[in-house]
C-alpha atoms as a PDB file:
ATOM      1  CA  MET A   1      84.674 112.439 131.974  1.00  0.00           C
ATOM      2  CA  ASP A   2      84.527 110.007 135.875  1.00  0.00           C
ATOM      3  CA  LYS A   3      83.621 107.325 133.545  1.00  0.00           C
ATOM      4  CA  PHE A   4      86.509 107.263 131.507  1.00  0.00           C
ATOM      5  CA  ILE A   5      88.653 107.795 134.339  1.00  0.00           C
ATOM      6  CA  GLU A   6      86.620 104.258 135.619  1.00  0.00           C
ATOM      7  CA  TYR A   7      86.872 102.657 132.650  1.00  0.00           C
ATOM      8  CA  SER A   8      90.278 103.390 131.539  1.00  0.00           C
ATOM      9  CA  PRO A   9      92.501 100.227 132.207  1.00  0.00           C
ATOM     10  CA  ILE A  10      89.457  97.944 130.307  1.00  0.00           C
ATOM     11  CA  ILE A  11      90.014 100.848 127.345  1.00  0.00           C
ATOM     12  CA  ILE A  12      93.734 100.448 127.633  1.00  0.00           C
ATOM     13  CA  VAL A  13      93.748  96.370 127.614  1.00  0.00           C
ATOM     14  CA  VAL A  14      90.926  96.548 124.666  1.00  0.00           C
ATOM     15  CA  LEU A  15      93.135  99.078 122.271  1.00  0.00           C
ATOM     16  CA  MET A  16      96.808  97.387 123.455  1.00  0.00           C
ATOM     17  CA  PHE A  17      95.309  94.299 122.091  1.00  0.00           C
ATOM     18  CA  PHE A  18      93.816  95.785 119.110  1.00  0.00           C
ATOM     19  CA  VAL A  19      97.431  96.897 118.443  1.00  0.00           C
ATOM     20  CA  GLN A  20      99.590  94.101 119.235  1.00  0.00           C
ATOM     21  CA  GLN A  21      96.829  91.897 117.176  1.00  0.00           C
ATOM     22  CA  LYS A  22      97.467  94.558 114.217  1.00  0.00           C
ATOM     23  CA  ILE A  23      93.812  95.731 114.085  1.00  0.00           C
ATOM     24  CA  PHE A  24      93.977  98.811 112.828  1.00  0.00           C
ATOM     25  CA  VAL A  25      97.208  99.530 110.473  1.00  0.00           C
ATOM     26  CA  THR A  26      98.073 102.897 109.173  1.00  0.00           C
ATOM     27  CA  PRO A  27      98.795 104.676 105.857  1.00  0.00           C
ATOM     28  CA  GLU A  28     101.852 103.713 105.577  1.00  0.00           C
ATOM     29  CA  GLN A  29     101.864 100.099 105.716  1.00  0.00           C
ATOM     30  CA  LEU A  30      98.283  99.797 103.739  1.00  0.00           C
ATOM     31  CA  GLU A  31     100.054 101.262 101.236  1.00  0.00           C
ATOM     32  CA  LYS A  32     102.927  98.613 101.444  1.00  0.00           C
ATOM     33  CA  LYS A  33     101.033  96.302 101.379  1.00  0.00           C
ATOM     34  CA  HIS A  34      98.826  97.544  98.160  1.00  0.00           C
ATOM     35  CA  ARG A  35     102.624  97.658  96.304  1.00  0.00           C
ATOM     36  CA  GLU A  36     103.133  94.182  96.973  1.00  0.00           C
ATOM     37  CA  ILE A  37      98.970  93.133  95.781  1.00  0.00           C
ATOM     38  CA  LEU A  38     100.009  95.345  92.616  1.00  0.00           C
ATOM     39  CA  ASP A  39     103.412  93.520  92.041  1.00  0.00           C
ATOM     40  CA  GLU A  40     101.355  90.049  92.757  1.00  0.00           C
ATOM     41  CA  MET A  41      99.071  90.465  90.579  1.00  0.00           C
ATOM     42  CA  GLU A  42     101.181  91.543  87.855  1.00  0.00           C
ATOM     43  CA  GLU A  43     103.636  88.669  88.244  1.00  0.00           C
ATOM     44  CA  LYS A  44     100.335  86.576  88.019  1.00  0.00           C
ATOM     45  CA  PHE A  45      98.072  87.458  86.128  1.00  0.00           C
ATOM     46  CA  VAL A  46      98.119  89.144  82.363  1.00  0.00           C
ATOM     47  CA  SER A  47      96.792  92.329  81.093  1.00  0.00           C
ATOM     48  CA  VAL A  48      93.324  92.605  79.242  1.00  0.00           C
ATOM     49  CA  ILE A  49      95.643  94.596  76.429  1.00  0.00           C
ATOM     50  CA  SER A  50      97.680  91.212  76.226  1.00  0.00           C
ATOM     51  CA  PHE A  51      94.760  89.121  76.303  1.00  0.00           C
ATOM     52  CA  LYS A  52      92.992  91.435  73.368  1.00  0.00           C
ATOM     53  CA  ASP A  53      95.667  90.781  71.645  1.00  0.00           C
ATOM     54  CA  LEU A  54      96.268  87.199  72.108  1.00  0.00           C
ATOM     55  CA  LYS A  55      92.493  86.002  71.178  1.00  0.00           C
ATOM     56  CA  ASP A  56      92.953  88.153  67.411  1.00  0.00           C
ATOM     57  CA  GLN A  57      95.733  86.442  67.046  1.00  0.00           C
ATOM     58  CA  PHE A  58      93.730  83.258  67.994  1.00  0.00           C
ATOM     59  CA  SER A  59      91.271  84.109  65.516  1.00  0.00           C
ATOM     60  CA  GLU A  60      93.488  85.061  62.636  1.00  0.00           C
ATOM     61  CA  VAL A  61      95.207  81.146  63.096  1.00  0.00           C
ATOM     62  CA  LYS A  62      91.709  80.275  62.983  1.00  0.00           C
ATOM     63  CA  GLU A  63      90.462  81.895  59.303  1.00  0.00           C
ATOM     64  CA  LYS A  64      94.106  80.195  58.402  1.00  0.00           C
ATOM     65  CA  ILE A  65      93.344  77.101  59.496  1.00  0.00           C
ATOM     66  CA  ASP A  66      89.724  77.372  57.391  1.00  0.00           C
ATOM     67  CA  LYS A  67      90.813  78.866  54.434  1.00  0.00           C
ATOM     68  CA  MET A  68      93.467  75.982  54.490  1.00  0.00           C
ATOM     69  CA  TYR A  69      90.807  73.033  55.729  1.00  0.00           C
ATOM     70  CA  ASP A  70      88.874  74.770  52.794  1.00  0.00           C
ATOM     71  CA  LEU A  71      91.779  74.181  50.265  1.00  0.00           C
ATOM     72  CA  LEU A  72      92.340  70.556  50.890  1.00  0.00           C
ATOM     73  CA  ILE A  73      88.544  69.626  50.465  1.00  0.00           C
ATOM     74  CA  ASP A  74      88.460  71.579  47.001  1.00  0.00           C
ATOM     75  CA  LEU A  75      90.927  69.690  46.183  1.00  0.00           C
ATOM     76  CA  LYS A  76      89.828  65.775  46.405  1.00  0.00           C
END
C-alpha cells in the first residue's frame, strides 16, 4: 500500500493522460462509433445479395448477346 501512495502522483498523471487522449472509451462511445461505421459501410458498399443479383443479370445479358451473335453469324 505504501508503494501506491508513493507513486500515486505518477499514477494520477498517467491516468489523466489516458483520459485526455481518449485511450479508454466507454461502451456507449464504442457503440456509437460502431453505428457510425455501419452506416458508412451501407452508404459506400453494396450488399452481397445485391452483388449476386447483379452478377446473375450480367450473366443473362451475356447469354442473350451470345445468342444474338450466333443468329447473326448463321444468317450470313
